[in-house]
């Protein structure tokens, strides 16, 4: 159920060692995890090598962002998809232009856009909308079609102490005092791991989101 996880290789943002992330995933009831560090694949090799030790099936991707603004998550279906993501990432890192609002055509990948209120999405077959738990009440109220939605519970912290470390990293990245750090430059404090059983309970009224999430996980290798 974890499609968006970060290690401390998400520079000046993430707080978790690769080993800590894998242990966290295992201890919360999952045998699969998608590593999506922000604008980097640096941790991917260690993630794959270490995953066997923790009984985790590794899936790789990238969280494409501008600052803290999440544009989309690209998840590789296979080695060819991972190559396509890396080539696109390299291209973007050598540009000074902004990321496109829509992800490019990347073969053998899934794309997930974060849910935003009052926004419509012209989605292709391999593209989905990631819905956080905090957005579920709005989805219910507006009776929004969830046929192309998946569970999006980012994993960036373990504890409040991790979140405080994250805030320090964000202050350094913004060259500002911690007391003057804008909330818009921080992750949401709820970006912690939620046990799989609890996620299934939270999304029990949205079986399509559950099945779409599982389909993505099952179709990546």
N, C-alpha and C. Protein backbone atom coordinates (compact mmCIF):
# COMPACT_ATOMS: atom_id res chain seq x y z
N UNK A 1 0.82 -1.22 0.00
CA UNK A 1 0.00 0.00 0.00
C UNK A 1 0.85 1.27 0.00
N UNK A 2 2.16 1.10 0.03
CA UNK A 2 3.05 2.27 0.14
C UNK A 2 3.64 2.61 -1.22
N UNK A 3 3.04 3.59 -1.88
CA UNK A 3 3.44 3.99 -3.23
C UNK A 3 4.36 5.20 -3.24
N UNK A 4 4.63 5.79 -2.08
CA UNK A 4 5.36 7.07 -2.04
C UNK A 4 6.18 7.15 -0.76
N UNK A 5 7.39 6.56 -0.78
CA UNK A 5 8.23 6.56 0.41
C UNK A 5 9.56 7.26 0.13
N UNK A 6 10.13 7.83 1.19
CA UNK A 6 11.36 8.61 1.05
C UNK A 6 12.42 8.15 2.05
N UNK A 7 13.67 8.20 1.62
CA UNK A 7 14.80 8.05 2.54
C UNK A 7 15.48 9.41 2.69
N UNK A 8 16.60 9.43 3.43
CA UNK A 8 17.29 10.72 3.58
C UNK A 8 18.06 11.10 2.33
N UNK A 9 17.99 10.28 1.28
CA UNK A 9 18.54 10.70 -0.01
C UNK A 9 17.63 11.70 -0.71
N UNK A 10 16.42 11.87 -0.21
CA UNK A 10 15.60 13.01 -0.62
C UNK A 10 16.19 14.21 0.11
N UNK A 11 17.16 14.83 -0.51
CA UNK A 11 18.05 15.78 0.18
C UNK A 11 17.30 16.96 0.80
N UNK A 12 17.70 17.26 2.04
CA UNK A 12 17.12 18.37 2.80
C UNK A 12 15.59 18.23 2.91
N UNK A 13 15.17 16.96 3.00
CA UNK A 13 13.73 16.67 3.12
C UNK A 13 13.50 15.38 3.90
N UNK A 14 14.05 14.25 3.40
CA UNK A 14 13.83 12.96 4.03
C UNK A 14 14.68 12.76 5.28
N UNK A 15 14.26 11.81 6.13
CA UNK A 15 14.93 11.60 7.42
C UNK A 15 15.31 10.14 7.67
N UNK A 16 14.87 9.21 6.84
CA UNK A 16 15.02 7.79 7.14
C UNK A 16 16.19 7.15 6.41
N UNK A 17 16.95 6.32 7.12
CA UNK A 17 17.93 5.46 6.46
C UNK A 17 17.17 4.39 5.67
N UNK A 18 17.81 3.86 4.65
CA UNK A 18 17.18 2.83 3.84
C UNK A 18 16.76 1.64 4.69
N UNK A 19 17.64 1.21 5.58
CA UNK A 19 17.33 0.08 6.46
C UNK A 19 16.13 0.39 7.35
N UNK A 20 16.06 1.61 7.84
CA UNK A 20 14.95 1.98 8.72
C UNK A 20 13.62 1.96 7.96
N UNK A 21 13.64 2.42 6.71
CA UNK A 21 12.43 2.40 5.91
C UNK A 21 11.95 0.97 5.69
N UNK A 22 12.87 0.08 5.32
CA UNK A 22 12.51 -1.32 5.08
C UNK A 22 11.95 -1.98 6.33
N UNK A 23 12.58 -1.73 7.46
CA UNK A 23 12.08 -2.30 8.72
C UNK A 23 10.71 -1.74 9.07
N UNK A 24 10.52 -0.46 8.80
CA UNK A 24 9.24 0.19 9.07
C UNK A 24 8.13 -0.44 8.23
N UNK A 25 8.42 -0.68 6.96
CA UNK A 25 7.44 -1.30 6.07
C UNK A 25 7.10 -2.71 6.54
N UNK A 26 8.12 -3.48 6.87
CA UNK A 26 7.90 -4.86 7.33
C UNK A 26 7.08 -4.89 8.61
N UNK A 27 7.43 -4.05 9.56
CA UNK A 27 6.77 -4.08 10.86
C UNK A 27 5.34 -3.56 10.82
N UNK A 28 4.96 -2.93 9.70
CA UNK A 28 3.59 -2.42 9.57
C UNK A 28 2.74 -3.25 8.62
N UNK A 29 3.22 -4.45 8.32
CA UNK A 29 2.36 -5.42 7.67
C UNK A 29 2.42 -5.49 6.17
N UNK A 30 3.50 -4.98 5.56
CA UNK A 30 3.60 -5.04 4.10
C UNK A 30 4.83 -5.82 3.67
N UNK A 31 4.71 -6.48 2.52
CA UNK A 31 5.85 -7.18 1.95
C UNK A 31 6.30 -6.54 0.64
N UNK A 32 5.72 -5.36 0.34
CA UNK A 32 6.06 -4.63 -0.89
C UNK A 32 6.17 -3.15 -0.57
N UNK A 33 7.09 -2.47 -1.24
CA UNK A 33 7.26 -1.04 -1.00
C UNK A 33 7.82 -0.38 -2.25
N UNK A 34 7.30 0.82 -2.56
CA UNK A 34 7.82 1.60 -3.68
C UNK A 34 8.69 2.72 -3.13
N UNK A 35 9.97 2.69 -3.47
CA UNK A 35 10.87 3.78 -3.08
C UNK A 35 10.77 4.90 -4.12
N UNK A 36 10.38 6.08 -3.66
CA UNK A 36 10.23 7.22 -4.56
C UNK A 36 10.89 8.44 -3.94
N UNK A 37 12.20 8.44 -3.88
CA UNK A 37 12.88 9.63 -3.37
C UNK A 37 12.65 10.81 -4.30
N UNK A 38 12.85 12.00 -3.76
CA UNK A 38 12.54 13.23 -4.49
C UNK A 38 13.66 13.56 -5.47
N UNK A 39 13.32 13.50 -6.74
CA UNK A 39 14.24 13.91 -7.83
C UNK A 39 15.59 13.19 -7.78
N UNK A 40 15.59 11.94 -7.33
CA UNK A 40 16.83 11.17 -7.30
C UNK A 40 16.53 9.68 -7.24
N UNK A 41 17.49 8.89 -7.74
CA UNK A 41 17.41 7.43 -7.59
C UNK A 41 18.64 6.90 -6.85
N UNK A 42 19.31 7.77 -6.12
CA UNK A 42 20.57 7.41 -5.46
C UNK A 42 20.45 6.21 -4.53
N UNK A 43 19.34 6.10 -3.81
CA UNK A 43 19.20 5.02 -2.82
C UNK A 43 18.72 3.71 -3.42
N UNK A 44 18.39 3.70 -4.70
CA UNK A 44 17.70 2.54 -5.27
C UNK A 44 18.52 1.25 -5.21
N UNK A 45 19.81 1.32 -5.52
CA UNK A 45 20.63 0.11 -5.51
C UNK A 45 20.69 -0.51 -4.12
N UNK A 46 20.96 0.30 -3.11
CA UNK A 46 20.98 -0.21 -1.73
C UNK A 46 19.61 -0.74 -1.32
N UNK A 47 18.56 -0.05 -1.74
CA UNK A 47 17.20 -0.46 -1.41
C UNK A 47 16.92 -1.87 -1.95
N UNK A 48 17.30 -2.11 -3.19
CA UNK A 48 17.10 -3.43 -3.79
C UNK A 48 17.97 -4.48 -3.10
N UNK A 49 19.22 -4.15 -2.85
CA UNK A 49 20.13 -5.12 -2.22
C UNK A 49 19.68 -5.50 -0.81
N UNK A 50 19.21 -4.50 -0.05
CA UNK A 50 18.83 -4.74 1.34
C UNK A 50 17.44 -5.33 1.49
N UNK A 51 16.61 -5.17 0.50
CA UNK A 51 15.19 -5.55 0.62
C UNK A 51 15.02 -7.04 0.93
N UNK A 52 15.89 -7.88 0.36
CA UNK A 52 15.77 -9.33 0.58
C UNK A 52 15.95 -9.66 2.06
N UNK A 53 16.85 -8.93 2.71
CA UNK A 53 17.10 -9.17 4.14
C UNK A 53 15.84 -8.92 4.97
N UNK A 54 15.00 -8.01 4.51
CA UNK A 54 13.79 -7.65 5.27
C UNK A 54 12.53 -8.31 4.71
N UNK A 55 12.69 -9.14 3.70
CA UNK A 55 11.53 -9.81 3.12
C UNK A 55 10.60 -8.88 2.37
N UNK A 56 11.16 -7.83 1.78
CA UNK A 56 10.37 -6.84 1.06
C UNK A 56 10.63 -6.96 -0.44
N UNK A 57 9.56 -6.96 -1.23
CA UNK A 57 9.72 -6.92 -2.69
C UNK A 57 9.88 -5.47 -3.10
N UNK A 58 11.03 -5.09 -3.65
CA UNK A 58 11.29 -3.68 -3.94
C UNK A 58 10.72 -3.24 -5.29
N UNK A 59 10.15 -2.05 -5.29
CA UNK A 59 9.69 -1.39 -6.51
C UNK A 59 10.30 0.01 -6.51
N UNK A 60 10.69 0.48 -7.70
CA UNK A 60 11.44 1.73 -7.77
C UNK A 60 10.69 2.81 -8.55
N UNK A 61 10.91 4.05 -8.14
CA UNK A 61 10.31 5.18 -8.83
C UNK A 61 10.96 6.47 -8.39
N UNK A 62 10.34 7.58 -8.79
CA UNK A 62 10.83 8.91 -8.43
C UNK A 62 9.63 9.81 -8.13
N UNK A 63 9.78 10.59 -7.08
CA UNK A 63 8.81 11.63 -6.72
C UNK A 63 9.29 12.93 -7.35
N UNK A 64 8.67 13.32 -8.45
CA UNK A 64 9.10 14.53 -9.17
C UNK A 64 8.47 15.76 -8.50
N UNK A 65 9.33 16.65 -8.03
CA UNK A 65 8.86 17.85 -7.31
C UNK A 65 9.64 19.08 -7.74
N UNK A 66 9.01 20.22 -7.46
CA UNK A 66 9.69 21.50 -7.50
C UNK A 66 9.63 22.05 -6.09
N UNK A 67 10.75 22.04 -5.39
CA UNK A 67 10.73 22.36 -3.97
C UNK A 67 9.93 21.28 -3.25
N UNK A 68 8.95 21.69 -2.46
CA UNK A 68 8.10 20.71 -1.78
C UNK A 68 6.84 20.41 -2.59
N UNK A 69 6.66 21.08 -3.71
CA UNK A 69 5.46 20.94 -4.53
C UNK A 69 5.53 19.66 -5.35
N UNK A 70 4.71 18.70 -4.98
CA UNK A 70 4.71 17.42 -5.68
C UNK A 70 3.95 17.53 -7.00
N UNK A 71 4.64 17.21 -8.08
CA UNK A 71 4.03 17.26 -9.41
C UNK A 71 3.40 15.92 -9.77
N UNK A 72 4.21 14.87 -9.70
CA UNK A 72 3.72 13.52 -9.99
C UNK A 72 4.77 12.51 -9.54
N UNK A 73 4.31 11.29 -9.36
CA UNK A 73 5.17 10.18 -8.98
C UNK A 73 5.23 9.23 -10.17
N UNK A 74 6.42 8.86 -10.57
CA UNK A 74 6.61 7.87 -11.64
C UNK A 74 7.10 6.57 -11.01
N UNK A 75 6.43 5.47 -11.33
CA UNK A 75 6.77 4.15 -10.77
C UNK A 75 7.10 3.21 -11.92
N UNK A 76 8.24 2.55 -11.81
CA UNK A 76 8.71 1.66 -12.87
C UNK A 76 8.01 0.30 -12.79
N UNK A 77 7.48 -0.16 -13.92
CA UNK A 77 6.92 -1.50 -13.98
C UNK A 77 8.03 -2.56 -14.02
N UNK A 78 9.17 -2.19 -14.61
CA UNK A 78 10.26 -3.15 -14.81
C UNK A 78 11.55 -2.37 -15.06
N UNK A 79 12.60 -3.06 -15.46
CA UNK A 79 13.89 -2.40 -15.69
C UNK A 79 13.81 -1.35 -16.79
N UNK A 80 13.06 -1.64 -17.84
CA UNK A 80 12.92 -0.67 -18.94
C UNK A 80 12.23 0.60 -18.45
N UNK A 81 11.24 0.45 -17.59
CA UNK A 81 10.57 1.61 -17.03
C UNK A 81 11.49 2.42 -16.15
N UNK A 82 12.33 1.72 -15.38
CA UNK A 82 13.28 2.42 -14.51
C UNK A 82 14.30 3.19 -15.35
N UNK A 83 14.71 2.60 -16.46
CA UNK A 83 15.61 3.32 -17.36
C UNK A 83 14.95 4.57 -17.92
N UNK A 84 13.69 4.46 -18.32
CA UNK A 84 12.97 5.60 -18.87
C UNK A 84 12.84 6.72 -17.84
N UNK A 85 12.56 6.35 -16.59
CA UNK A 85 12.46 7.34 -15.52
C UNK A 85 13.79 8.03 -15.30
N UNK A 86 14.88 7.28 -15.28
CA UNK A 86 16.20 7.86 -15.07
C UNK A 86 16.60 8.80 -16.20
N UNK A 87 16.29 8.42 -17.43
CA UNK A 87 16.61 9.28 -18.56
C UNK A 87 15.84 10.60 -18.48
N UNK A 88 14.58 10.51 -18.11
CA UNK A 88 13.78 11.73 -17.96
C UNK A 88 14.29 12.57 -16.80
N UNK A 89 14.64 11.92 -15.69
CA UNK A 89 15.17 12.64 -14.53
C UNK A 89 16.45 13.38 -14.88
N UNK A 90 17.37 12.70 -15.58
CA UNK A 90 18.63 13.32 -16.00
C UNK A 90 18.37 14.54 -16.88
N UNK A 91 17.44 14.38 -17.79
CA UNK A 91 17.07 15.49 -18.68
C UNK A 91 16.57 16.68 -17.88
N UNK A 92 15.72 16.41 -16.88
CA UNK A 92 15.15 17.50 -16.08
C UNK A 92 16.21 18.19 -15.21
N UNK A 93 17.15 17.41 -14.68
CA UNK A 93 18.17 17.98 -13.80
C UNK A 93 19.12 18.90 -14.56
N UNK A 94 19.20 18.75 -15.87
CA UNK A 94 20.07 19.60 -16.67
C UNK A 94 19.31 20.77 -17.31
N UNK A 95 18.04 20.87 -16.98
CA UNK A 95 17.24 21.99 -17.48
C UNK A 95 17.04 23.03 -16.38
N UNK A 96 16.76 24.25 -16.80
CA UNK A 96 16.43 25.28 -15.83
C UNK A 96 14.96 25.65 -15.91
N UNK A 97 14.20 24.91 -16.71
CA UNK A 97 12.77 25.18 -16.86
C UNK A 97 11.99 24.37 -15.83
N UNK A 98 10.75 24.75 -15.62
CA UNK A 98 9.89 24.06 -14.66
C UNK A 98 9.44 22.72 -15.22
N UNK A 99 9.08 21.82 -14.31
CA UNK A 99 8.50 20.55 -14.73
C UNK A 99 7.16 20.79 -15.41
N UNK A 100 6.86 19.98 -16.38
CA UNK A 100 5.55 20.06 -17.02
C UNK A 100 4.47 19.67 -16.02
N UNK A 101 3.28 20.24 -16.19
CA UNK A 101 2.16 19.87 -15.32
C UNK A 101 1.77 18.41 -15.52
N UNK A 102 1.89 17.95 -16.76
CA UNK A 102 1.59 16.56 -17.08
C UNK A 102 2.89 15.80 -17.28
N UNK A 103 2.94 14.59 -16.80
CA UNK A 103 4.12 13.76 -16.99
C UNK A 103 4.26 13.38 -18.47
N UNK A 104 5.48 13.20 -18.95
CA UNK A 104 5.66 12.79 -20.35
C UNK A 104 5.30 11.32 -20.51
N UNK A 105 5.28 10.88 -21.75
CA UNK A 105 5.06 9.46 -22.03
C UNK A 105 6.32 8.69 -21.65
N UNK A 106 6.24 7.94 -20.60
CA UNK A 106 7.36 7.11 -20.15
C UNK A 106 6.94 5.65 -20.24
N UNK A 107 7.56 4.91 -21.14
CA UNK A 107 7.18 3.51 -21.34
C UNK A 107 7.38 2.69 -20.07
N UNK A 108 6.49 1.74 -19.87
CA UNK A 108 6.60 0.78 -18.75
C UNK A 108 6.61 1.46 -17.39
N UNK A 109 5.76 2.43 -17.23
CA UNK A 109 5.64 3.13 -15.94
C UNK A 109 4.17 3.33 -15.58
N UNK A 110 3.96 3.59 -14.31
CA UNK A 110 2.70 4.14 -13.81
C UNK A 110 2.98 5.57 -13.36
N UNK A 111 2.01 6.45 -13.53
CA UNK A 111 2.13 7.83 -13.08
C UNK A 111 1.00 8.12 -12.10
N UNK A 112 1.34 8.76 -10.99
CA UNK A 112 0.34 9.13 -9.99
C UNK A 112 0.42 10.63 -9.75
N UNK A 113 -0.71 11.31 -9.91
CA UNK A 113 -0.81 12.73 -9.62
C UNK A 113 -1.48 12.91 -8.26
N UNK A 114 -0.99 13.83 -7.44
CA UNK A 114 -1.65 14.07 -6.15
C UNK A 114 -3.02 14.72 -6.35
N UNK A 115 -4.00 14.26 -5.60
CA UNK A 115 -5.35 14.80 -5.70
C UNK A 115 -5.38 16.27 -5.30
N UNK A 116 -6.07 17.06 -6.08
CA UNK A 116 -6.28 18.48 -5.77
C UNK A 116 -7.76 18.80 -5.97
N UNK A 117 -8.32 19.51 -5.03
CA UNK A 117 -9.74 19.86 -5.11
C UNK A 117 -10.02 20.76 -6.32
N UNK A 118 -11.17 20.52 -6.92
CA UNK A 118 -11.65 21.35 -8.05
C UNK A 118 -10.71 21.30 -9.25
N UNK A 119 -10.01 20.19 -9.42
CA UNK A 119 -9.15 20.05 -10.58
C UNK A 119 -9.53 18.79 -11.34
N UNK A 120 -9.60 18.90 -12.65
CA UNK A 120 -9.90 17.75 -13.49
C UNK A 120 -8.61 17.22 -14.10
N UNK A 121 -8.59 15.93 -14.35
CA UNK A 121 -7.38 15.28 -14.83
C UNK A 121 -7.69 14.47 -16.10
N UNK A 122 -7.12 14.85 -17.23
CA UNK A 122 -7.24 14.01 -18.43
C UNK A 122 -6.22 12.87 -18.34
N UNK A 123 -6.66 11.73 -17.85
CA UNK A 123 -5.72 10.65 -17.53
C UNK A 123 -5.60 9.63 -18.65
N UNK A 124 -4.37 9.15 -18.84
CA UNK A 124 -4.13 8.04 -19.75
C UNK A 124 -4.31 6.73 -18.98
N UNK A 125 -4.22 5.62 -19.68
CA UNK A 125 -4.51 4.33 -19.06
C UNK A 125 -3.57 4.00 -17.90
N UNK A 126 -2.32 4.50 -17.97
CA UNK A 126 -1.34 4.16 -16.94
C UNK A 126 -1.24 5.25 -15.86
N UNK A 127 -2.15 6.20 -15.88
CA UNK A 127 -2.10 7.33 -14.93
C UNK A 127 -3.25 7.25 -13.93
N UNK A 128 -2.95 7.67 -12.70
CA UNK A 128 -3.91 7.60 -11.61
C UNK A 128 -3.84 8.87 -10.75
N UNK A 129 -4.83 9.01 -9.88
CA UNK A 129 -4.84 10.09 -8.89
C UNK A 129 -4.61 9.49 -7.52
N UNK A 130 -3.63 10.03 -6.78
CA UNK A 130 -3.35 9.56 -5.43
C UNK A 130 -4.14 10.35 -4.40
N UNK A 131 -4.93 9.66 -3.60
CA UNK A 131 -5.80 10.30 -2.61
C UNK A 131 -5.29 10.01 -1.21
N UNK A 132 -5.02 11.08 -0.48
CA UNK A 132 -4.59 10.93 0.92
C UNK A 132 -5.79 10.72 1.83
N UNK A 133 -5.58 10.13 3.00
CA UNK A 133 -6.70 9.94 3.94
C UNK A 133 -7.45 11.22 4.26
N UNK A 134 -6.73 12.35 4.33
CA UNK A 134 -7.38 13.62 4.69
C UNK A 134 -8.37 14.08 3.63
N UNK A 135 -8.27 13.55 2.42
CA UNK A 135 -9.16 13.96 1.33
C UNK A 135 -10.39 13.08 1.18
N UNK A 136 -10.48 12.02 1.97
CA UNK A 136 -11.57 11.06 1.79
C UNK A 136 -12.94 11.66 2.08
N UNK A 137 -13.05 12.50 3.10
CA UNK A 137 -14.35 13.11 3.40
C UNK A 137 -14.81 14.00 2.25
N UNK A 138 -13.90 14.72 1.64
CA UNK A 138 -14.24 15.57 0.49
C UNK A 138 -14.70 14.70 -0.69
N UNK A 139 -14.01 13.59 -0.91
CA UNK A 139 -14.39 12.66 -1.98
C UNK A 139 -15.81 12.14 -1.77
N UNK A 140 -16.12 11.79 -0.51
CA UNK A 140 -17.46 11.31 -0.18
C UNK A 140 -18.50 12.40 -0.41
N UNK A 141 -18.21 13.59 0.11
CA UNK A 141 -19.17 14.70 0.04
C UNK A 141 -19.51 15.05 -1.40
N UNK A 142 -18.50 15.12 -2.24
CA UNK A 142 -18.69 15.52 -3.64
C UNK A 142 -19.00 14.34 -4.56
N UNK A 143 -18.99 13.14 -3.99
CA UNK A 143 -19.28 11.93 -4.77
C UNK A 143 -18.41 11.85 -6.02
N UNK A 144 -17.13 12.04 -5.82
CA UNK A 144 -16.17 12.06 -6.92
C UNK A 144 -15.91 10.64 -7.41
N UNK A 145 -15.82 10.49 -8.71
CA UNK A 145 -15.52 9.20 -9.32
C UNK A 145 -14.12 8.75 -8.91
N UNK A 146 -14.02 7.56 -8.35
CA UNK A 146 -12.73 7.05 -7.85
C UNK A 146 -12.18 5.90 -8.70
N UNK A 147 -12.71 5.75 -9.91
CA UNK A 147 -12.29 4.62 -10.74
C UNK A 147 -10.83 4.68 -11.14
N UNK A 148 -10.23 5.88 -11.07
CA UNK A 148 -8.81 6.04 -11.41
C UNK A 148 -8.02 6.58 -10.23
N UNK A 149 -8.44 6.22 -9.03
CA UNK A 149 -7.77 6.71 -7.82
C UNK A 149 -7.05 5.58 -7.10
N UNK A 150 -5.99 5.95 -6.38
CA UNK A 150 -5.22 5.00 -5.58
C UNK A 150 -4.95 5.60 -4.20
N UNK A 151 -4.50 4.75 -3.29
CA UNK A 151 -4.13 5.20 -1.95
C UNK A 151 -2.79 5.94 -2.01
N UNK A 152 -2.75 7.11 -1.40
CA UNK A 152 -1.50 7.86 -1.33
C UNK A 152 -1.23 8.25 0.11
N UNK A 153 -0.42 7.44 0.78
CA UNK A 153 0.01 7.73 2.15
C UNK A 153 1.53 7.87 2.13
N UNK A 154 2.04 9.10 1.92
CA UNK A 154 3.50 9.27 1.88
C UNK A 154 4.15 8.84 3.20
N UNK A 155 5.36 8.29 3.08
CA UNK A 155 6.12 7.88 4.26
C UNK A 155 7.44 8.64 4.26
N UNK A 156 7.56 9.58 5.20
CA UNK A 156 8.76 10.40 5.31
C UNK A 156 9.34 10.37 6.72
N UNK A 157 8.49 10.11 7.72
CA UNK A 157 8.92 10.14 9.13
C UNK A 157 8.48 8.88 9.86
N UNK A 158 9.10 8.67 11.02
CA UNK A 158 8.63 7.66 11.97
C UNK A 158 7.92 8.35 13.13
N UNK A 159 8.54 9.41 13.64
CA UNK A 159 8.10 10.02 14.89
C UNK A 159 8.11 11.54 14.77
N UNK A 160 7.64 12.18 15.83
CA UNK A 160 7.69 13.64 15.88
C UNK A 160 9.14 14.13 15.84
N UNK A 161 10.04 13.36 16.41
CA UNK A 161 11.46 13.73 16.37
C UNK A 161 11.96 13.78 14.93
N UNK A 162 11.55 12.81 14.13
CA UNK A 162 11.90 12.83 12.70
C UNK A 162 11.34 14.08 12.02
N UNK A 163 10.11 14.42 12.37
CA UNK A 163 9.50 15.60 11.75
C UNK A 163 10.26 16.86 12.13
N UNK A 164 10.71 16.95 13.37
CA UNK A 164 11.50 18.11 13.78
C UNK A 164 12.83 18.17 13.01
N UNK A 165 13.44 17.01 12.77
CA UNK A 165 14.67 16.97 11.97
C UNK A 165 14.38 17.42 10.54
N UNK A 166 13.24 16.99 10.02
CA UNK A 166 12.81 17.41 8.68
C UNK A 166 12.68 18.93 8.61
N UNK A 167 12.11 19.55 9.62
CA UNK A 167 11.93 21.01 9.63
C UNK A 167 13.29 21.71 9.63
N UNK A 168 14.25 21.15 10.35
CA UNK A 168 15.60 21.73 10.34
C UNK A 168 16.21 21.65 8.94
N UNK A 169 16.02 20.52 8.29
CA UNK A 169 16.54 20.35 6.93
C UNK A 169 15.88 21.34 5.97
N UNK A 170 14.59 21.56 6.14
CA UNK A 170 13.88 22.49 5.27
C UNK A 170 14.36 23.93 5.52
N UNK A 171 14.65 24.26 6.78
CA UNK A 171 15.16 25.59 7.09
C UNK A 171 16.53 25.81 6.44
N UNK A 172 17.38 24.78 6.48
CA UNK A 172 18.69 24.87 5.83
C UNK A 172 18.52 25.06 4.33
N UNK A 173 17.61 24.29 3.74
CA UNK A 173 17.40 24.37 2.30
C UNK A 173 16.89 25.75 1.89
N UNK A 174 16.13 26.38 2.76
CA UNK A 174 15.57 27.70 2.46
C UNK A 174 16.42 28.84 3.01
N UNK A 175 17.55 28.48 3.64
CA UNK A 175 18.46 29.49 4.18
C UNK A 175 17.71 30.47 5.08
N UNK A 176 16.96 29.90 6.01
CA UNK A 176 16.17 30.74 6.91
C UNK A 176 16.22 30.17 8.33
N UNK A 177 15.80 30.98 9.28
CA UNK A 177 15.69 30.52 10.66
C UNK A 177 14.51 29.56 10.78
N UNK A 178 14.65 28.60 11.67
CA UNK A 178 13.57 27.63 11.87
C UNK A 178 12.27 28.34 12.25
N UNK A 179 12.39 29.38 13.05
CA UNK A 179 11.21 30.12 13.49
C UNK A 179 10.51 30.86 12.35
N UNK A 180 11.24 31.06 11.25
CA UNK A 180 10.66 31.78 10.11
C UNK A 180 10.32 30.86 8.94
N UNK A 181 10.47 29.57 9.13
CA UNK A 181 10.18 28.61 8.06
C UNK A 181 8.68 28.58 7.78
N UNK A 182 8.33 28.80 6.53
CA UNK A 182 6.92 28.78 6.13
C UNK A 182 6.38 27.35 6.17
N UNK A 183 5.12 27.22 6.62
CA UNK A 183 4.48 25.91 6.66
C UNK A 183 4.40 25.28 5.28
N UNK A 184 4.32 26.11 4.26
CA UNK A 184 4.24 25.61 2.89
C UNK A 184 5.55 24.96 2.44
N UNK A 185 6.63 25.16 3.21
CA UNK A 185 7.92 24.56 2.88
C UNK A 185 8.17 23.26 3.64
N UNK A 186 7.16 22.81 4.40
CA UNK A 186 7.28 21.59 5.18
C UNK A 186 6.39 20.50 4.60
N UNK A 187 6.74 19.27 4.89
CA UNK A 187 5.83 18.16 4.61
C UNK A 187 4.69 18.19 5.62
N UNK A 188 3.65 17.46 5.33
CA UNK A 188 2.56 17.33 6.28
C UNK A 188 3.02 16.42 7.43
N UNK A 189 2.77 16.81 8.68
CA UNK A 189 3.19 15.97 9.81
C UNK A 189 2.60 14.56 9.78
N UNK A 190 1.53 14.36 9.00
CA UNK A 190 0.91 13.04 8.92
C UNK A 190 1.59 12.12 7.90
N UNK A 191 2.70 12.57 7.31
CA UNK A 191 3.40 11.75 6.31
C UNK A 191 4.24 10.67 6.99
N UNK A 192 3.56 9.90 7.82
CA UNK A 192 4.19 8.79 8.54
C UNK A 192 3.58 7.49 8.06
N UNK A 193 4.25 6.41 8.37
CA UNK A 193 3.71 5.12 7.96
C UNK A 193 2.45 4.80 8.75
N UNK A 194 1.47 4.26 8.05
CA UNK A 194 0.21 3.81 8.65
C UNK A 194 0.13 2.31 8.41
N UNK A 195 -0.14 1.51 9.43
CA UNK A 195 -0.21 0.06 9.23
C UNK A 195 -1.17 -0.31 8.10
N UNK A 196 -0.83 -1.36 7.38
CA UNK A 196 -1.66 -1.78 6.24
C UNK A 196 -3.11 -2.03 6.67
N UNK A 197 -3.29 -2.67 7.81
CA UNK A 197 -4.65 -2.96 8.28
C UNK A 197 -5.44 -1.67 8.51
N UNK A 198 -4.77 -0.64 9.02
CA UNK A 198 -5.43 0.64 9.26
C UNK A 198 -5.75 1.34 7.94
N UNK A 199 -4.84 1.27 6.97
CA UNK A 199 -5.12 1.85 5.65
C UNK A 199 -6.34 1.19 5.01
N UNK A 200 -6.41 -0.12 5.11
CA UNK A 200 -7.56 -0.83 4.53
C UNK A 200 -8.86 -0.42 5.22
N UNK A 201 -8.78 -0.16 6.50
CA UNK A 201 -9.98 0.29 7.22
C UNK A 201 -10.37 1.71 6.77
N UNK A 202 -9.38 2.59 6.65
CA UNK A 202 -9.66 3.97 6.25
C UNK A 202 -10.30 4.04 4.85
N UNK A 203 -9.87 3.15 3.96
CA UNK A 203 -10.33 3.17 2.57
C UNK A 203 -11.38 2.10 2.28
N UNK A 204 -11.98 1.54 3.31
CA UNK A 204 -12.90 0.42 3.11
C UNK A 204 -14.14 0.81 2.30
N UNK A 205 -14.50 2.09 2.33
CA UNK A 205 -15.65 2.55 1.53
C UNK A 205 -15.28 2.82 0.08
N UNK A 206 -14.01 2.62 -0.25
CA UNK A 206 -13.52 2.90 -1.61
C UNK A 206 -12.76 1.67 -2.14
N UNK A 207 -13.47 0.58 -2.38
CA UNK A 207 -12.79 -0.65 -2.80
C UNK A 207 -12.01 -0.50 -4.11
N UNK A 208 -12.45 0.42 -4.98
CA UNK A 208 -11.72 0.61 -6.23
C UNK A 208 -10.33 1.18 -5.98
N UNK A 209 -10.21 2.08 -5.01
CA UNK A 209 -8.89 2.62 -4.67
C UNK A 209 -7.97 1.52 -4.16
N UNK A 210 -8.52 0.64 -3.34
CA UNK A 210 -7.74 -0.47 -2.81
C UNK A 210 -7.28 -1.39 -3.95
N UNK A 211 -8.21 -1.74 -4.84
CA UNK A 211 -7.85 -2.66 -5.91
C UNK A 211 -6.89 -2.03 -6.91
N UNK A 212 -7.05 -0.72 -7.19
CA UNK A 212 -6.13 -0.04 -8.10
C UNK A 212 -4.71 -0.01 -7.52
N UNK A 213 -4.63 0.26 -6.22
CA UNK A 213 -3.32 0.28 -5.55
C UNK A 213 -2.65 -1.08 -5.63
N UNK A 214 -3.42 -2.12 -5.34
CA UNK A 214 -2.87 -3.48 -5.39
C UNK A 214 -2.48 -3.86 -6.81
N UNK A 215 -3.25 -3.39 -7.78
CA UNK A 215 -2.93 -3.70 -9.18
C UNK A 215 -1.58 -3.09 -9.59
N UNK A 216 -1.33 -1.85 -9.16
CA UNK A 216 -0.04 -1.23 -9.46
C UNK A 216 1.08 -2.04 -8.83
N UNK A 217 0.94 -2.37 -7.57
CA UNK A 217 1.98 -3.12 -6.87
C UNK A 217 2.22 -4.48 -7.52
N UNK A 218 1.14 -5.13 -7.94
CA UNK A 218 1.25 -6.47 -8.51
C UNK A 218 1.84 -6.46 -9.92
N UNK A 219 1.78 -5.31 -10.59
CA UNK A 219 2.24 -5.24 -11.97
C UNK A 219 3.61 -4.59 -12.10
N UNK A 220 4.31 -4.46 -10.99
CA UNK A 220 5.67 -3.92 -11.01
C UNK A 220 6.64 -4.98 -10.52
N UNK A 221 7.82 -5.01 -11.13
CA UNK A 221 8.79 -6.04 -10.76
C UNK A 221 10.20 -5.53 -11.03
